[in-house]
N, C-alpha and C. Protein backbone atom coordinates (compact mmCIF):
# COMPACT_ATOMS: atom_id res chain seq x y z
N UNK A 1 128.16 38.01 100.34
CA UNK A 1 129.16 38.29 101.27
C UNK A 1 129.13 39.55 102.63
N UNK A 2 129.48 38.56 103.57
CA UNK A 2 129.90 39.77 104.54
C UNK A 2 130.95 39.43 105.49
N UNK A 3 131.45 40.42 106.38
CA UNK A 3 132.65 40.01 107.18
C UNK A 3 132.51 40.54 108.64
N UNK A 4 132.87 40.23 109.09
CA UNK A 4 133.16 40.39 110.98
C UNK A 4 134.30 41.90 111.20
N UNK A 5 133.80 42.13 112.70
CA UNK A 5 134.36 43.18 112.90
C UNK A 5 136.25 43.02 112.92
N UNK A 6 136.27 41.84 113.22
CA UNK A 6 137.71 41.18 113.29
C UNK A 6 138.56 40.81 112.49
N UNK A 7 137.55 40.91 111.18
CA UNK A 7 138.20 40.67 110.00
C UNK A 7 138.62 42.06 109.18
N UNK A 8 137.79 43.26 109.36
CA UNK A 8 138.23 44.11 109.00
C UNK A 8 139.22 45.13 110.06
N UNK A 9 139.16 44.84 111.22
CA UNK A 9 140.01 45.50 111.80
C UNK A 9 141.54 44.75 111.55
N UNK A 10 141.58 43.50 111.43
CA UNK A 10 143.20 42.94 110.49
C UNK A 10 143.38 43.51 109.55
N UNK A 11 142.46 43.87 108.41
CA UNK A 11 142.55 44.18 107.22
C UNK A 11 143.37 45.83 107.35
N UNK A 12 142.50 46.37 108.06
CA UNK A 12 142.87 48.10 108.62
C UNK A 12 144.48 48.07 108.84
N UNK A 13 144.52 47.48 109.95
CA UNK A 13 146.22 47.54 110.97
C UNK A 13 146.98 46.72 109.63
N UNK A 14 146.84 45.66 109.11
CA UNK A 14 147.64 44.92 107.99
C UNK A 14 148.21 46.28 107.35
N UNK A 15 147.38 46.97 106.86
CA UNK A 15 147.66 48.24 105.84
C UNK A 15 148.54 49.35 106.42
N UNK A 16 148.79 49.37 108.25
CA UNK A 16 149.30 50.22 109.10
C UNK A 16 148.34 51.37 109.26
N UNK A 17 147.39 51.30 108.55
CA UNK A 17 146.10 52.34 109.34
C UNK A 17 145.97 52.54 110.90
N UNK A 18 145.58 53.28 111.63
CA UNK A 18 145.20 53.35 112.58
C UNK A 18 143.44 52.68 112.63
N UNK A 19 143.36 51.90 113.79
CA UNK A 19 142.11 50.98 113.93
C UNK A 19 142.18 51.94 115.66
N UNK A 20 140.62 52.48 115.87
CA UNK A 20 140.46 53.00 117.07
C UNK A 20 139.63 52.63 118.33
N UNK A 21 140.53 51.98 119.29
CA UNK A 21 140.39 51.18 120.23
C UNK A 21 139.83 51.89 121.70
N UNK A 22 140.36 53.19 121.82
CA UNK A 22 140.17 53.63 123.16
C UNK A 22 139.13 54.56 123.35
N UNK A 23 138.35 54.31 124.61
CA UNK A 23 136.81 55.20 124.73
C UNK A 23 135.67 55.05 123.84
N UNK A 24 134.89 54.92 124.63
CA UNK A 24 133.69 54.95 124.34
C UNK A 24 133.45 55.72 122.84
N UNK A 25 132.26 55.10 121.77
CA UNK A 25 132.38 55.91 120.43
C UNK A 25 133.14 56.45 119.74
N UNK A 26 134.46 55.92 120.13
CA UNK A 26 135.52 56.42 119.06
C UNK A 26 135.32 55.66 117.89
N UNK A 27 134.72 55.95 116.88
CA UNK A 27 134.24 55.35 115.51
C UNK A 27 135.22 55.12 114.53
N UNK A 28 135.15 53.78 114.00
CA UNK A 28 136.36 53.48 112.98
C UNK A 28 135.04 53.64 111.88
N UNK A 29 134.86 54.29 110.98
CA UNK A 29 134.28 54.68 109.65
C UNK A 29 135.29 54.00 108.92
N UNK A 30 134.82 52.90 107.91
CA UNK A 30 135.29 51.88 106.85
C UNK A 30 134.34 51.27 105.86
N UNK A 31 135.06 51.60 104.85
CA UNK A 31 134.02 51.39 103.62
C UNK A 31 135.62 50.41 102.84
N UNK A 32 134.59 49.48 102.43
CA UNK A 32 134.76 48.27 101.74
C UNK A 32 134.62 48.22 100.14
N UNK A 33 135.52 48.38 99.38
CA UNK A 33 134.89 48.30 97.45
C UNK A 33 135.15 46.95 97.31
N UNK A 34 134.32 46.12 96.57
CA UNK A 34 134.09 45.21 96.05
C UNK A 34 135.05 45.10 94.93
N UNK A 35 135.81 44.32 95.42
CA UNK A 35 137.10 43.88 94.52
C UNK A 35 136.53 42.79 92.99
N UNK A 36 135.67 42.19 93.74
CA UNK A 36 134.97 41.08 92.12
C UNK A 36 135.13 41.93 90.90
N UNK A 37 134.37 42.91 90.71
CA UNK A 37 134.11 43.70 89.27
C UNK A 37 135.69 43.72 88.49
N UNK A 38 136.57 44.49 89.52
CA UNK A 38 137.49 44.97 89.00
C UNK A 38 137.35 46.13 88.48
N UNK A 39 137.52 46.63 87.45
CA UNK A 39 137.45 47.90 86.59
C UNK A 39 136.28 48.40 85.84
N UNK A 40 134.99 47.01 86.00
CA UNK A 40 133.85 47.40 85.28
C UNK A 40 132.80 48.16 85.94
N UNK A 41 132.50 49.00 85.69
CA UNK A 41 131.17 49.79 86.50
C UNK A 41 129.76 49.12 86.41
N UNK A 42 129.60 48.71 87.49
CA UNK A 42 128.33 47.51 88.05
C UNK A 42 127.02 48.48 88.17
N UNK A 43 127.40 49.65 88.39
CA UNK A 43 125.99 50.44 88.79
C UNK A 43 125.54 50.19 90.03
N UNK A 44 125.77 49.18 90.69
CA UNK A 44 125.20 48.54 91.73
C UNK A 44 125.54 48.72 92.85
N UNK A 45 124.67 49.01 94.51
CA UNK A 45 125.44 48.86 95.46
C UNK A 45 125.92 47.69 95.96
N UNK A 46 127.40 47.53 95.75
CA UNK A 46 127.84 45.95 95.49
C UNK A 46 128.83 46.49 96.49
N UNK A 47 129.38 47.60 97.05
CA UNK A 47 129.85 47.62 98.52
C UNK A 47 129.69 47.77 99.72
N UNK A 48 130.27 47.96 100.57
CA UNK A 48 129.90 48.07 101.82
C UNK A 48 130.51 49.34 102.94
N UNK A 49 129.79 50.06 103.89
CA UNK A 49 130.45 50.85 104.78
C UNK A 49 129.96 49.77 106.23
N UNK A 50 131.13 50.33 106.57
CA UNK A 50 131.26 49.62 108.26
C UNK A 50 131.54 50.37 109.21
N UNK A 51 130.77 50.53 110.51
CA UNK A 51 131.43 51.25 111.24
C UNK A 51 131.20 50.36 112.83
N UNK A 52 132.29 50.34 113.48
CA UNK A 52 132.94 49.99 114.73
C UNK A 52 133.30 50.50 115.38
N UNK A 53 133.43 50.37 116.57
CA UNK A 53 133.21 51.49 117.94
C UNK A 53 133.38 50.40 119.32
N UNK A 54 133.79 50.89 120.39
CA UNK A 54 133.36 50.64 121.92
C UNK A 54 132.26 51.35 122.68
N UNK A 55 131.26 50.53 123.33
CA UNK A 55 130.39 51.43 124.36
C UNK A 55 130.45 50.54 125.54
N UNK A 56 130.74 51.13 126.46
CA UNK A 56 130.90 50.11 127.68
C UNK A 56 132.10 49.28 127.91
N UNK A 57 132.84 49.40 127.17
CA UNK A 57 133.94 48.33 126.87
C UNK A 57 133.44 47.27 126.23
N UNK A 58 132.51 47.37 125.50
CA UNK A 58 131.92 46.30 124.03
C UNK A 58 132.23 46.41 122.68
N UNK A 59 132.47 46.04 121.92
CA UNK A 59 132.66 46.72 120.68
C UNK A 59 131.12 46.09 119.91
N UNK A 60 130.91 47.21 119.08
CA UNK A 60 129.79 46.91 117.99
C UNK A 60 130.15 47.36 116.72
N UNK A 61 129.29 46.63 115.88
CA UNK A 61 129.91 46.50 114.73
C UNK A 61 128.48 46.85 113.58
N UNK A 62 128.34 47.29 112.39
CA UNK A 62 127.85 47.57 111.61
C UNK A 62 128.05 47.22 110.13
N UNK A 63 127.73 46.62 109.68
CA UNK A 63 128.11 46.87 107.96
C UNK A 63 126.68 47.15 107.24
N UNK A 64 126.89 47.90 106.32
CA UNK A 64 125.61 48.12 105.62
C UNK A 64 125.72 48.52 103.99
N UNK A 65 125.10 48.03 102.99
CA UNK A 65 125.48 47.93 101.57
C UNK A 65 125.14 49.46 101.46
N UNK A 66 126.20 49.66 100.67
CA UNK A 66 126.62 50.91 100.18
C UNK A 66 127.36 50.82 98.47
N UNK A 67 127.74 52.43 97.85
CA UNK A 67 128.68 52.03 96.81
C UNK A 67 129.71 53.02 97.54
N UNK A 68 130.86 52.35 96.82
CA UNK A 68 132.06 53.81 96.98
C UNK A 68 132.70 54.15 95.27
N UNK A 69 132.15 53.57 94.65
CA UNK A 69 132.08 54.31 93.33
C UNK A 69 131.03 54.91 92.38
N UNK A 70 131.10 56.01 91.54
CA UNK A 70 130.19 56.89 90.90
C UNK A 70 129.40 55.72 90.40
N UNK A 71 128.24 56.19 90.25
CA UNK A 71 127.25 55.69 89.11
C UNK A 71 127.60 55.60 87.76
N UNK A 72 127.19 54.97 86.94
CA UNK A 72 127.38 54.98 85.16
C UNK A 72 126.38 56.39 84.87
N UNK A 73 125.70 56.41 84.90
CA UNK A 73 125.20 58.08 84.54
C UNK A 73 126.13 58.99 84.50
N UNK A 74 126.91 59.28 85.57
CA UNK A 74 128.04 60.39 85.39
C UNK A 74 129.32 59.91 85.01
N UNK A 75 129.56 58.77 84.77
CA UNK A 75 130.88 57.92 84.46
C UNK A 75 130.69 58.31 82.67
N UNK A 76 129.43 58.01 81.94
CA UNK A 76 129.57 58.35 80.91
C UNK A 76 128.72 59.53 80.07
N UNK A 77 128.54 60.53 81.08
CA UNK A 77 128.34 62.07 80.91
C UNK A 77 129.78 62.57 81.01
N UNK A 78 130.53 62.39 82.12
CA UNK A 78 131.82 63.19 82.27
C UNK A 78 131.62 64.49 83.02
N UNK A 79 132.52 64.85 83.27
CA UNK A 79 132.48 66.10 83.80
C UNK A 79 133.32 67.24 83.49
N UNK A 80 133.62 68.37 84.17
CA UNK A 80 133.89 69.70 83.89
C UNK A 80 135.28 69.70 84.74
N UNK A 81 135.14 68.72 85.54
CA UNK A 81 136.53 69.33 86.25
C UNK A 81 137.81 67.79 86.40
N UNK A 82 137.76 67.54 84.89
CA UNK A 82 139.26 66.81 84.93
C UNK A 82 138.96 65.59 84.79
N UNK A 83 137.22 65.00 85.30
CA UNK A 83 137.12 63.65 85.07
C UNK A 83 136.64 63.26 86.56
N UNK A 84 135.39 62.26 86.11
CA UNK A 84 134.48 61.59 87.61
C UNK A 84 135.47 61.13 88.53
N UNK A 85 135.14 61.30 89.65
CA UNK A 85 135.93 61.02 90.85
C UNK A 85 135.77 59.59 91.38
N UNK A 86 136.94 59.13 91.81
CA UNK A 86 136.73 58.09 92.67
C UNK A 86 137.38 57.85 93.60
N UNK A 87 137.13 57.26 94.76
CA UNK A 87 138.24 57.53 95.98
C UNK A 87 139.45 56.51 95.84
N UNK A 88 140.83 56.67 95.97
CA UNK A 88 141.82 55.79 95.65
C UNK A 88 141.55 55.27 97.60
N UNK A 89 141.51 54.05 97.30
CA UNK A 89 141.59 52.95 99.05
C UNK A 89 143.00 53.80 99.71
N UNK A 90 142.23 54.13 100.83
CA UNK A 90 143.50 54.45 101.95
C UNK A 90 142.80 55.29 103.34
N UNK A 91 143.62 55.79 103.98
CA UNK A 91 143.03 56.28 105.54
C UNK A 91 143.47 57.70 104.76
N UNK A 92 142.28 58.53 105.61
CA UNK A 92 142.00 59.99 105.56
C UNK A 92 141.44 60.25 106.98
N UNK A 93 142.80 61.11 107.71
CA UNK A 93 142.21 61.24 109.11
C UNK A 93 141.78 62.74 109.09
N UNK A 94 140.50 62.80 109.80
CA UNK A 94 139.92 63.96 109.96
C UNK A 94 139.39 64.81 108.37
N UNK A 95 138.73 63.67 107.77
CA UNK A 95 138.44 64.11 106.19
C UNK A 95 137.04 64.33 106.48
N UNK A 96 136.17 64.25 107.45
CA UNK A 96 134.78 64.39 107.46
C UNK A 96 133.86 65.14 108.99
N UNK A 97 133.11 65.73 108.48
CA UNK A 97 132.51 66.17 110.01
C UNK A 97 130.81 66.37 109.06
N UNK A 98 129.98 66.32 110.65
CA UNK A 98 128.88 66.54 110.67
C UNK A 98 128.16 67.68 109.58
N UNK A 99 127.17 67.89 108.54
CA UNK A 99 127.37 68.72 108.15
C UNK A 99 126.24 68.79 107.16
N UNK A 100 125.45 69.68 106.61
CA UNK A 100 124.17 69.44 105.62
C UNK A 100 124.84 69.17 104.44
N UNK A 101 124.37 68.11 103.56
CA UNK A 101 124.38 67.59 102.20
C UNK A 101 123.97 68.49 100.83
N UNK A 102 124.48 69.16 100.43
CA UNK A 102 123.76 69.93 99.60
C UNK A 102 122.60 70.71 99.41
N UNK A 103 123.16 71.05 101.35
CA UNK A 103 122.38 71.99 102.03
C UNK A 103 120.83 71.64 102.34
N UNK A 104 120.96 70.08 101.92
CA UNK A 104 119.13 69.60 102.56
C UNK A 104 119.07 68.40 103.40
N UNK A 105 120.21 67.90 104.11
CA UNK A 105 120.17 67.09 105.09
C UNK A 105 121.69 66.65 105.75
N UNK A 106 121.35 66.33 107.08
CA UNK A 106 122.93 66.19 107.49
C UNK A 106 122.97 64.77 107.32
N UNK A 107 125.10 65.10 106.89
CA UNK A 107 125.29 63.74 106.47
C UNK A 107 126.72 64.30 107.04
N UNK A 108 128.04 62.79 106.14
CA UNK A 108 129.32 63.67 106.54
C UNK A 108 129.94 64.06 105.17
N UNK A 109 130.25 65.25 105.77
CA UNK A 109 130.49 66.33 104.68
C UNK A 109 131.99 66.48 104.75
N UNK A 110 132.84 66.34 103.51
CA UNK A 110 134.28 66.13 103.19
C UNK A 110 135.09 67.48 103.78
N UNK A 111 136.10 67.86 104.63
CA UNK A 111 136.35 68.70 104.75
C UNK A 111 137.64 68.78 104.98
N UNK A 112 138.71 67.81 104.47
CA UNK A 112 139.89 68.10 104.62
C UNK A 112 140.72 67.20 103.31
N UNK A 113 141.60 66.51 102.69
CA UNK A 113 141.80 66.19 101.23
C UNK A 113 141.90 64.79 101.48
N UNK A 114 141.79 64.22 100.30
CA UNK A 114 141.35 62.75 99.72
C UNK A 114 141.69 62.84 98.27
N UNK A 115 142.49 61.50 98.34
CA UNK A 115 142.91 61.31 97.18
C UNK A 115 142.04 60.69 95.94
N UNK A 116 141.56 61.04 94.83
CA UNK A 116 140.82 60.51 93.88
C UNK A 116 141.23 60.14 92.59
N UNK A 117 140.78 59.23 92.43
CA UNK A 117 141.44 58.65 90.80
C UNK A 117 139.93 59.70 89.77
N UNK A 118 140.84 60.25 88.75
CA UNK A 118 139.99 60.78 87.95
C UNK A 118 140.06 60.24 86.60
N UNK A 119 138.50 60.29 86.18
CA UNK A 119 138.47 59.03 84.69
C UNK A 119 137.59 60.31 84.03
N UNK A 120 137.77 60.16 82.92
CA UNK A 120 137.38 61.08 82.00
C UNK A 120 136.90 60.99 80.24
N UNK A 121 137.07 59.56 79.99
CA UNK A 121 137.27 58.85 78.91
C UNK A 121 135.62 58.42 78.29
N UNK A 122 134.65 58.42 79.59
CA UNK A 122 133.34 58.38 79.38
C UNK A 122 132.57 56.81 78.71
N UNK A 123 133.77 56.30 79.48
CA UNK A 123 133.48 54.62 78.86
C UNK A 123 132.97 53.56 80.21
N UNK A 124 132.61 52.56 80.20
CA UNK A 124 132.65 51.93 81.58
C UNK A 124 133.17 51.10 82.42
N UNK A 125 134.40 51.35 82.41
CA UNK A 125 135.52 50.96 83.24
C UNK A 125 136.46 51.78 83.97
N UNK A 126 136.17 51.83 84.95
CA UNK A 126 137.33 52.69 85.86
C UNK A 126 138.68 52.88 85.33
N UNK A 127 139.06 53.94 85.32
CA UNK A 127 140.79 53.86 85.25
C UNK A 127 141.21 54.66 86.37
N UNK A 128 142.73 54.31 86.52
CA UNK A 128 143.17 54.41 87.87
C UNK A 128 144.76 55.19 87.24
N UNK A 129 144.55 56.06 86.18
CA UNK A 129 145.82 56.69 85.55
C UNK A 129 146.16 57.93 86.54
N UNK A 130 145.11 58.65 86.53
CA UNK A 130 145.37 60.23 87.10
C UNK A 130 144.81 59.86 88.74
N UNK A 131 145.87 60.49 89.06
CA UNK A 131 145.27 60.92 90.64
C UNK A 131 145.14 62.17 91.09
N UNK A 132 144.07 63.04 91.69
CA UNK A 132 144.36 64.38 92.45
C UNK A 132 144.02 64.05 93.67
N UNK A 133 144.53 65.62 94.44
CA UNK A 133 144.05 65.26 96.01
C UNK A 133 143.63 66.75 96.54
N UNK A 134 142.90 66.59 96.93
CA UNK A 134 141.63 67.69 97.30
C UNK A 134 140.96 68.13 97.91
N UNK A 135 139.77 69.09 97.95
CA UNK A 135 138.67 68.92 98.64
C UNK A 135 137.58 69.34 97.88
N UNK A 136 136.70 67.68 97.36
CA UNK A 136 135.78 67.72 96.17
C UNK A 136 134.72 67.52 96.73
N UNK A 137 134.12 67.43 98.01
CA UNK A 137 132.26 67.22 98.31
C UNK A 137 132.39 66.19 98.41
N UNK A 138 133.55 64.87 98.57
CA UNK A 138 133.00 63.37 99.00
C UNK A 138 132.77 63.31 99.66
N UNK A 139 131.07 63.55 100.22
CA UNK A 139 130.48 63.19 101.28
C UNK A 139 130.02 61.85 101.24
N UNK A 140 129.73 61.60 102.60
CA UNK A 140 128.91 59.87 102.84
C UNK A 140 127.35 60.62 102.88
N UNK A 141 126.84 59.86 102.13
CA UNK A 141 125.48 60.23 102.42
C UNK A 141 124.37 58.94 101.78
N UNK A 142 123.03 59.35 101.66
CA UNK A 142 122.49 58.02 101.62
C UNK A 142 121.66 58.53 99.98
N UNK A 143 121.20 57.56 99.36
CA UNK A 143 120.47 57.31 98.26
C UNK A 143 119.25 57.04 98.57
N UNK A 144 118.04 56.72 97.92
CA UNK A 144 116.65 56.32 98.47
C UNK A 144 116.39 55.74 99.41
N UNK A 145 114.99 55.55 99.56
CA UNK A 145 114.56 54.60 100.56
C UNK A 145 115.22 52.90 100.78
N UNK A 146 115.78 52.71 99.60
CA UNK A 146 116.34 51.44 98.88
C UNK A 146 116.76 51.21 97.55
N UNK A 147 117.41 51.93 97.37
CA UNK A 147 117.73 51.88 95.94
C UNK A 147 118.62 50.72 95.13
N UNK A 148 118.26 50.66 93.92
CA UNK A 148 118.90 49.71 93.11
C UNK A 148 120.08 49.97 92.70
N UNK A 149 119.88 50.92 91.59
CA UNK A 149 120.65 51.33 90.82
C UNK A 149 121.61 52.77 91.28
N UNK A 150 122.84 53.20 91.21
CA UNK A 150 123.96 53.79 91.82
C UNK A 150 123.48 55.27 91.19
N UNK A 151 123.54 55.14 89.55
CA UNK A 151 123.49 56.39 88.76
C UNK A 151 124.08 57.54 89.15
N UNK A 152 123.23 58.42 89.22
CA UNK A 152 123.89 59.84 89.96
C UNK A 152 123.65 60.09 91.57
N UNK A 153 123.40 58.76 92.09
CA UNK A 153 123.48 59.05 93.50
C UNK A 153 125.09 59.20 94.00
N UNK A 154 126.07 58.42 92.90
CA UNK A 154 127.17 59.26 94.03
C UNK A 154 128.24 59.19 92.09
N UNK A 155 128.88 60.42 92.38
CA UNK A 155 129.27 60.90 91.42
C UNK A 155 131.29 61.07 92.53
N UNK A 156 131.35 60.44 92.63
CA UNK A 156 132.47 59.83 94.00
C UNK A 156 132.62 60.19 95.59
N UNK A 157 131.32 60.46 95.96
CA UNK A 157 130.39 59.93 97.07
C UNK A 157 130.65 58.57 97.64
N UNK A 158 130.65 58.37 98.83
CA UNK A 158 130.32 57.42 99.32
C UNK A 158 129.11 57.01 99.77
N UNK A 159 128.12 56.36 99.33
CA UNK A 159 126.71 56.20 99.80
C UNK A 159 126.01 55.58 100.18
N UNK A 160 125.25 55.31 101.18
CA UNK A 160 124.21 54.16 101.61
C UNK A 160 123.26 53.94 100.56
N UNK A 161 122.77 52.67 100.65
CA UNK A 161 121.80 51.98 99.60
C UNK A 161 120.62 52.75 100.19
N UNK A 162 120.45 52.01 101.56
CA UNK A 162 119.16 52.73 102.45
C UNK A 162 118.79 53.25 103.09
N UNK A 163 118.34 54.29 103.22
CA UNK A 163 118.04 55.33 103.82
C UNK A 163 118.16 55.05 105.41
N UNK A 164 117.27 53.66 106.00
CA UNK A 164 117.14 53.50 107.61
C UNK A 164 118.56 52.97 107.83
N UNK A 165 119.60 52.80 107.13
CA UNK A 165 120.90 52.57 107.43
C UNK A 165 121.75 53.53 107.52
N UNK A 166 121.50 54.51 107.00
CA UNK A 166 122.36 55.91 106.52
C UNK A 166 121.82 56.47 108.05
N UNK A 167 120.55 56.40 108.65
CA UNK A 167 120.06 57.42 109.62
C UNK A 167 120.54 56.48 110.79
N UNK A 168 120.80 55.09 111.02
CA UNK A 168 121.36 54.68 111.91
C UNK A 168 122.62 55.15 112.20
N UNK A 169 123.59 55.19 110.59
CA UNK A 169 124.73 55.57 111.09
C UNK A 169 125.31 57.19 111.76
N UNK A 170 124.05 57.74 110.96
CA UNK A 170 124.17 58.74 111.11
C UNK A 170 123.78 59.90 112.73
N UNK A 171 123.06 58.89 113.45
CA UNK A 171 122.70 58.98 114.82
C UNK A 171 124.09 58.38 115.82
N UNK A 172 124.51 57.63 115.20
CA UNK A 172 125.66 56.92 116.15
C UNK A 172 127.04 58.45 116.01
N UNK A 173 126.98 58.55 114.55
CA UNK A 173 128.09 59.56 114.46
C UNK A 173 127.82 61.06 115.17
N UNK A 174 126.35 61.07 115.22
CA UNK A 174 126.04 62.37 115.91
C UNK A 174 126.58 62.24 117.82
N UNK A 175 126.56 61.24 118.20
CA UNK A 175 126.84 60.90 119.58
C UNK A 175 128.03 61.05 119.51
N UNK A 176 128.92 60.36 118.71
CA UNK A 176 130.44 60.17 119.10
C UNK A 176 131.00 61.62 118.91
N UNK A 177 130.31 62.63 117.93
CA UNK A 177 130.79 63.77 117.70
C UNK A 177 130.63 64.77 119.29
N UNK A 178 129.88 64.33 119.73
CA UNK A 178 129.97 64.75 121.41
C UNK A 178 130.69 64.62 122.20
N UNK A 179 131.47 63.46 122.03
CA UNK A 179 132.69 63.22 122.70
C UNK A 179 133.78 63.52 122.50
N UNK A 180 133.86 63.35 120.95
CA UNK A 180 135.28 63.58 120.56
C UNK A 180 134.92 64.25 119.56
N UNK A 181 134.40 65.27 119.12
CA UNK A 181 134.54 66.43 118.31
C UNK A 181 134.09 66.37 117.20
N UNK A 182 133.58 66.74 116.15
CA UNK A 182 132.83 66.93 115.11
C UNK A 182 134.03 66.83 113.77
N UNK A 183 134.75 65.46 113.63
CA UNK A 183 135.85 65.12 113.04
C UNK A 183 135.71 64.02 112.73
N UNK A 184 136.09 63.29 111.81
CA UNK A 184 136.25 61.63 111.65
C UNK A 184 136.82 61.55 110.54
N UNK A 185 137.56 59.87 110.67
CA UNK A 185 138.33 59.53 109.72
C UNK A 185 137.82 58.49 109.10
N UNK A 186 138.07 58.96 107.57
CA UNK A 186 137.63 57.67 106.48
C UNK A 186 138.17 56.75 106.12
N UNK A 187 138.49 55.54 106.07
CA UNK A 187 139.32 54.48 105.84
C UNK A 187 138.35 53.86 104.67
N UNK A 188 138.99 53.78 103.29
CA UNK A 188 138.71 52.77 102.01
C UNK A 188 139.58 51.52 102.30
N UNK A 189 139.29 50.42 101.81
CA UNK A 189 140.06 49.47 101.79
C UNK A 189 139.23 48.40 100.47
N UNK A 190 140.46 47.34 100.12
CA UNK A 190 139.35 46.71 99.07
C UNK A 190 138.84 45.26 99.85
N UNK A 191 137.82 44.77 99.39
CA UNK A 191 137.42 43.49 99.98
C UNK A 191 138.69 42.30 99.38
N UNK A 192 139.32 42.19 98.63
CA UNK A 192 140.60 41.35 98.28
C UNK A 192 141.29 41.58 99.47
N UNK A 193 141.31 42.54 100.53
CA UNK A 193 142.34 42.87 101.77
C UNK A 193 141.78 42.38 102.85
N UNK A 194 140.76 41.49 102.79
CA UNK A 194 140.15 41.37 104.04
C UNK A 194 140.27 39.47 103.90
N UNK A 195 140.66 38.93 104.55
CA UNK A 195 141.22 37.58 104.88
C UNK A 195 140.19 36.67 105.74
């Protein structure tokens, strides 16, 4: 499945969210959660991360395989802070900045509140009954060279399937930060929102 920039823009605007259109490298970072599996944990990189922006007045658009859901291993193991995190669809202004992920490499690290579902029953179904809001380390980072399974690559983070895609994403984000500052808005929608 693939989407066009125009489809993503329309879906974002239909939700009443901002879609940045003014100036060069005013980036729109939009995650698309695959609605098809419903609440079932697939443990696959079956979602998408998109990046759209203008440069020289011309739209640029990228769409990459990713996961917006935690993997099977942390879901089954549970965790000690009220349940594994899964980002609630929405728009989170100024939620991320370029910084080190786990002290290892540059990624987009969470710096402002994000809403997450909390799931602690250790089955393989995502629950949506409990929502908390805060700064939990919901980063946008990479998995392996070209990962097949999510497993512990995500315990709530938004994670690129391929290193080369993540590297291209970060190169653009770092350029954007020099123009607009080190603050990025993250938006998460569902694939069923796209017409």
